[in-house]
């Protein structure tokens, strides 16, 4: 064998080896990266801590007690929280409403409000739209608290101002019914499509009012988080997950850990 023939043989051997390695790589492609699902709790961590801190202040607990006493008449009542020029926390007098609505009182440098729901129902569409309005007016620094007859406490907090503003534009509120006899303007509602979706979530998939509202906040990127006070006194975000149980889709609400 000449040196020329030996060189050709070596080249052929290398080429064959490269082909085998290439074929092996085609048969066993690198594993695709596992998608990382977004943490449903991360966005509201700071806002939840702020809500918890404020709810433990004497001004909040005093106002909560006053609202609870007033709520025995089965109507809604509201109180606002503000700051004096010396930065002391204060609350307003109670505003007395009717069964499904009340006026949020004015106060100096208002940064939060609290009202009750006579029924054991979470924040409503009207609460959401009013909260967004106040949050936009106050550069995002606003909190809305709701207390129920069973003692449950909710809060609405802002997590993304741009998203909240866009939700207001894309899904504008529908004016509530006006009771001319009682001279009462009821709270605004979601657009028809969202109202129907909520009804389907509750009627078809067994979702609770809480789970339905949390899902709407998530799905439509409202920039707002629903918080719920736990047994430890801390507010935590509520989120909803879609699951399959015995072949049926269900929507269940969960609360985030501390």
Protein backbone atom coordinates (compact mmCIF):
# COMPACT_ATOMS: atom_id res chain seq x y z
CA UNK A 1 0.00 0.00 0.00
CA UNK A 2 1.41 3.34 -1.01
CA UNK A 3 1.41 6.38 1.27
CA UNK A 4 -1.30 7.85 -0.98
CA UNK A 5 -3.56 4.81 -0.55
CA UNK A 6 -2.98 4.80 3.21
CA UNK A 7 -4.03 8.46 3.39
CA UNK A 8 -7.24 7.73 1.50
CA UNK A 9 -8.02 4.82 3.87
CA UNK A 10 -7.50 6.98 6.94
CA UNK A 11 -9.73 9.72 5.47
CA UNK A 12 -12.48 7.21 4.74
CA UNK A 13 -12.28 5.85 8.28
CA UNK A 14 -12.56 9.34 9.79
CA UNK A 15 -15.48 10.17 7.50
CA UNK A 16 -17.29 6.97 8.53
CA UNK A 17 -16.72 7.72 12.22
CA UNK A 18 -18.08 11.25 11.82
CA UNK A 19 -21.15 9.89 10.05
CA UNK A 20 -21.83 7.46 12.89
CA UNK A 21 -21.50 10.20 15.51
CA UNK A 22 -23.79 12.48 13.52
CA UNK A 23 -26.38 9.73 13.16
CA UNK A 24 -26.23 9.12 16.88
CA UNK A 25 -26.87 12.76 17.60
CA UNK A 26 -29.88 12.73 15.27
CA UNK A 27 -31.32 9.69 17.02
CA UNK A 28 -30.84 11.24 20.44
CA UNK A 29 -31.47 15.01 20.22
CA UNK A 30 -30.75 17.10 23.31
CA UNK A 31 -33.65 17.23 25.75
CA UNK A 32 -35.90 20.27 25.42
CA UNK A 33 -35.79 22.63 28.40
CA UNK A 34 -38.67 22.22 30.82
CA UNK A 35 -40.85 25.36 30.71
CA UNK A 36 -40.83 27.35 33.94
CA UNK A 37 -44.33 28.36 34.97
CA UNK A 38 -44.67 31.85 36.44
CA UNK A 39 -45.07 32.03 40.20
CA UNK A 40 -48.66 33.21 40.83
CA UNK A 41 -47.67 34.60 44.23
CA UNK A 42 -44.49 36.58 43.51
CA UNK A 43 -46.12 39.69 42.06
CA UNK A 44 -48.21 40.39 45.17
CA UNK A 45 -45.67 39.62 47.90
CA UNK A 46 -44.72 43.22 48.70
CA UNK A 47 -48.29 44.55 48.43
CA UNK A 48 -49.55 41.75 50.69
CA UNK A 49 -46.98 42.61 53.36
CA UNK A 50 -48.03 46.27 53.22
CA UNK A 51 -51.71 45.34 53.58
CA UNK A 52 -50.89 43.11 56.53
CA UNK A 53 -48.83 45.82 58.22
CA UNK A 54 -51.58 48.41 57.89
CA UNK A 55 -54.32 46.00 59.05
CA UNK A 56 -52.48 45.60 62.37
CA UNK A 57 -52.51 49.35 63.04
CA UNK A 58 -54.87 50.63 65.73
CA UNK A 59 -56.54 52.99 63.24
CA UNK A 60 -57.56 50.03 61.06
CA UNK A 61 -58.73 47.83 63.95
CA UNK A 62 -60.78 50.71 65.39
CA UNK A 63 -62.47 51.34 62.05
CA UNK A 64 -63.05 47.62 61.51
CA UNK A 65 -64.82 47.35 64.86
CA UNK A 66 -67.02 50.34 63.99
CA UNK A 67 -67.95 48.86 60.59
CA UNK A 68 -68.74 45.49 62.17
CA UNK A 69 -71.08 47.11 64.70
CA UNK A 70 -72.84 49.14 62.02
CA UNK A 71 -73.26 46.10 59.75
CA UNK A 72 -75.92 44.53 61.99
CA UNK A 73 -78.52 46.43 59.94
CA UNK A 74 -77.63 44.29 56.87
CA UNK A 75 -76.56 47.34 54.88
CA UNK A 76 -73.18 48.39 53.54
CA UNK A 77 -71.04 50.88 55.46
CA UNK A 78 -67.70 52.40 54.56
CA UNK A 79 -64.82 54.25 56.17
CA UNK A 80 -61.77 55.88 54.58
CA UNK A 81 -58.20 56.12 55.82
CA UNK A 82 -55.96 59.13 55.35
CA UNK A 83 -52.98 61.00 56.71
CA UNK A 84 -52.67 64.31 58.48
CA UNK A 85 -50.06 66.87 57.45
CA UNK A 86 -47.87 65.48 60.25
CA UNK A 87 -48.22 62.02 58.62
CA UNK A 88 -50.42 60.56 61.37
CA UNK A 89 -52.95 57.93 60.27
CA UNK A 90 -56.62 58.82 60.63
CA UNK A 91 -59.99 57.42 59.59
CA UNK A 92 -63.20 59.12 58.55
CA UNK A 93 -66.65 58.90 60.01
CA UNK A 94 -68.72 55.96 58.79
CA UNK A 95 -70.73 56.32 55.60
CA UNK A 96 -74.05 54.46 55.80
CA UNK A 97 -75.37 52.91 52.62
CA UNK A 98 -78.00 50.42 51.51
CA UNK A 99 -77.98 46.66 50.93
CA UNK A 100 -75.64 46.63 47.93
CA UNK A 101 -73.77 49.92 47.84
CA UNK A 102 -72.35 52.74 49.90
CA UNK A 103 -70.36 55.91 49.33
CA UNK A 104 -66.66 55.90 50.20
CA UNK A 105 -66.15 58.99 52.41
CA UNK A 106 -63.68 61.73 51.60
CA UNK A 107 -60.69 62.33 53.88
CA UNK A 108 -57.37 64.15 53.76
CA UNK A 109 -54.75 62.25 51.75
CA UNK A 110 -56.87 59.13 51.41
CA UNK A 111 -54.83 55.97 50.80
CA UNK A 112 -57.30 53.18 51.67
CA UNK A 113 -60.90 52.38 52.46
CA UNK A 114 -62.84 49.63 54.20
CA UNK A 115 -66.44 48.54 53.76
CA UNK A 116 -68.58 45.53 54.57
CA UNK A 117 -70.59 43.20 52.38
CA UNK A 118 -73.87 42.11 54.06
CA UNK A 119 -73.64 38.79 52.20
CA UNK A 120 -70.60 36.54 52.48
CA UNK A 121 -69.31 37.54 49.05
CA UNK A 122 -65.82 38.67 47.99
CA UNK A 123 -64.98 42.00 46.29
CA UNK A 124 -67.31 42.80 43.42
CA UNK A 125 -66.85 44.30 39.97
CA UNK A 126 -67.82 47.68 41.40
CA UNK A 127 -65.15 47.32 44.08
CA UNK A 128 -62.57 46.51 41.42
CA UNK A 129 -63.37 49.49 39.19
CA UNK A 130 -63.49 51.90 42.13
CA UNK A 131 -60.18 50.54 43.37
CA UNK A 132 -58.51 51.03 39.99
CA UNK A 133 -59.80 54.62 39.86
CA UNK A 134 -58.38 55.38 43.30
CA UNK A 135 -55.10 53.60 42.61
CA UNK A 136 -54.58 55.61 39.43
CA UNK A 137 -55.38 58.85 41.25
CA UNK A 138 -52.94 58.03 44.06
CA UNK A 139 -50.01 56.83 41.94
CA UNK A 140 -50.70 53.20 42.80
CA UNK A 141 -50.61 53.72 46.54
CA UNK A 142 -54.10 52.59 47.48
CA UNK A 143 -55.69 49.63 49.24
CA UNK A 144 -59.33 48.53 49.40
CA UNK A 145 -60.47 46.27 52.24
CA UNK A 146 -63.74 44.33 52.48
CA UNK A 147 -65.08 42.52 55.56
CA UNK A 148 -67.83 39.88 55.53
CA UNK A 149 -70.33 38.85 58.22
CA UNK A 150 -68.38 35.61 58.84
CA UNK A 151 -65.26 37.63 59.67
CA UNK A 152 -63.43 37.03 56.38
CA UNK A 153 -61.37 40.00 55.25
CA UNK A 154 -60.29 40.68 51.66
CA UNK A 155 -58.14 43.38 50.10
CA UNK A 156 -57.53 44.62 46.57
CA UNK A 157 -53.99 45.81 45.84
CA UNK A 158 -52.22 47.10 42.74
CA UNK A 159 -49.43 45.00 41.25
CA UNK A 160 -49.13 46.54 37.77
CA UNK A 161 -50.38 50.08 37.10
CA UNK A 162 -50.03 49.86 33.31
CA UNK A 163 -52.03 46.63 33.16
CA UNK A 164 -54.76 48.10 35.37
CA UNK A 165 -55.05 51.14 33.13
CA UNK A 166 -55.28 48.95 30.01
CA UNK A 167 -57.95 46.74 31.61
CA UNK A 168 -60.03 49.84 32.26
CA UNK A 169 -59.82 50.68 28.55
CA UNK A 170 -60.34 47.20 27.13
CA UNK A 171 -63.12 46.18 29.49
CA UNK A 172 -64.95 49.39 30.43
CA UNK A 173 -67.46 49.22 33.24
CA UNK A 174 -71.17 49.05 32.57
CA UNK A 175 -73.21 51.60 34.49
CA UNK A 176 -75.11 50.10 37.39
CA UNK A 177 -78.87 50.20 37.84
CA UNK A 178 -80.34 53.35 39.32
CA UNK A 179 -83.15 53.00 41.83
CA UNK A 180 -85.08 56.23 41.25
CA UNK A 181 -87.42 55.58 44.16
CA UNK A 182 -84.58 55.20 46.66
CA UNK A 183 -82.41 57.70 44.78
CA UNK A 184 -79.59 55.13 44.74
CA UNK A 185 -77.04 54.45 42.00
CA UNK A 186 -75.82 50.88 42.21
CA UNK A 187 -72.25 49.86 41.49
CA UNK A 188 -71.00 49.31 37.94
CA UNK A 189 -70.62 45.81 36.53
CA UNK A 190 -68.28 44.03 34.13
CA UNK A 191 -69.06 44.01 30.40
CA UNK A 192 -71.60 41.38 29.38
CA UNK A 193 -69.01 38.87 28.14
CA UNK A 194 -67.20 38.83 31.49
CA UNK A 195 -70.45 38.57 33.44
CA UNK A 196 -71.44 35.55 31.34
CA UNK A 197 -68.02 33.97 31.87
CA UNK A 198 -68.33 34.37 35.64
CA UNK A 199 -71.80 32.81 35.55
CA UNK A 200 -70.41 29.86 33.56
CA UNK A 201 -67.50 29.40 35.97
CA UNK A 202 -69.94 29.17 38.87
CA UNK A 203 -72.73 27.29 37.11
CA UNK A 204 -70.83 24.86 34.90
CA UNK A 205 -67.57 24.35 36.77
CA UNK A 206 -68.62 24.81 40.39
CA UNK A 207 -66.32 27.76 41.02
CA UNK A 208 -66.94 29.81 44.14
CA UNK A 209 -67.43 33.58 43.97
CA UNK A 210 -63.88 33.91 45.29
CA UNK A 211 -62.40 31.58 42.67
CA UNK A 212 -64.31 33.28 39.84
CA UNK A 213 -63.14 36.77 40.81
CA UNK A 214 -59.52 35.65 41.27
CA UNK A 215 -59.60 33.99 37.83
CA UNK A 216 -60.94 37.13 36.15
CA UNK A 217 -58.14 39.17 37.74
CA UNK A 218 -55.56 36.67 36.44
CA UNK A 219 -56.94 35.88 33.00
CA UNK A 220 -57.62 39.46 31.93
CA UNK A 221 -54.37 40.88 33.29
CA UNK A 222 -56.07 43.48 35.47
CA UNK A 223 -52.88 44.43 37.31
CA UNK A 224 -54.81 43.88 40.54
CA UNK A 225 -54.43 41.10 43.11
CA UNK A 226 -57.09 39.74 45.44
CA UNK A 227 -55.79 39.19 48.96
CA UNK A 228 -57.37 37.28 51.84
CA UNK A 229 -56.52 37.48 55.53
CA UNK A 230 -55.40 34.15 56.95
CA UNK A 231 -55.79 32.75 60.45
CA UNK A 232 -52.33 34.10 61.26
CA UNK A 233 -53.50 37.65 60.55
CA UNK A 234 -51.50 37.97 57.33
CA UNK A 235 -52.99 38.92 53.97
CA UNK A 236 -52.10 36.53 51.15
CA UNK A 237 -52.91 36.51 47.46
CA UNK A 238 -55.77 34.35 46.23
CA UNK A 239 -55.28 32.62 42.87
CA UNK A 240 -57.36 30.12 40.92
CA UNK A 241 -56.24 26.92 39.20
CA UNK A 242 -58.04 24.84 36.60
CA UNK A 243 -57.93 21.11 37.37
CA UNK A 244 -59.54 17.91 36.14
CA UNK A 245 -61.33 15.72 38.66
CA UNK A 246 -63.06 12.51 37.59
CA UNK A 247 -63.06 13.75 34.01
CA UNK A 248 -64.64 17.09 34.91
CA UNK A 249 -62.96 20.49 34.84
CA UNK A 250 -63.13 22.43 38.10
CA UNK A 251 -61.77 25.79 39.20
CA UNK A 252 -60.43 26.03 42.73
CA UNK A 253 -59.12 29.02 44.69
CA UNK A 254 -55.89 28.78 46.68
CA UNK A 255 -54.02 31.22 48.89
CA UNK A 256 -50.30 31.83 48.60
CA UNK A 257 -47.90 30.98 51.43
CA UNK A 258 -46.26 33.75 53.45
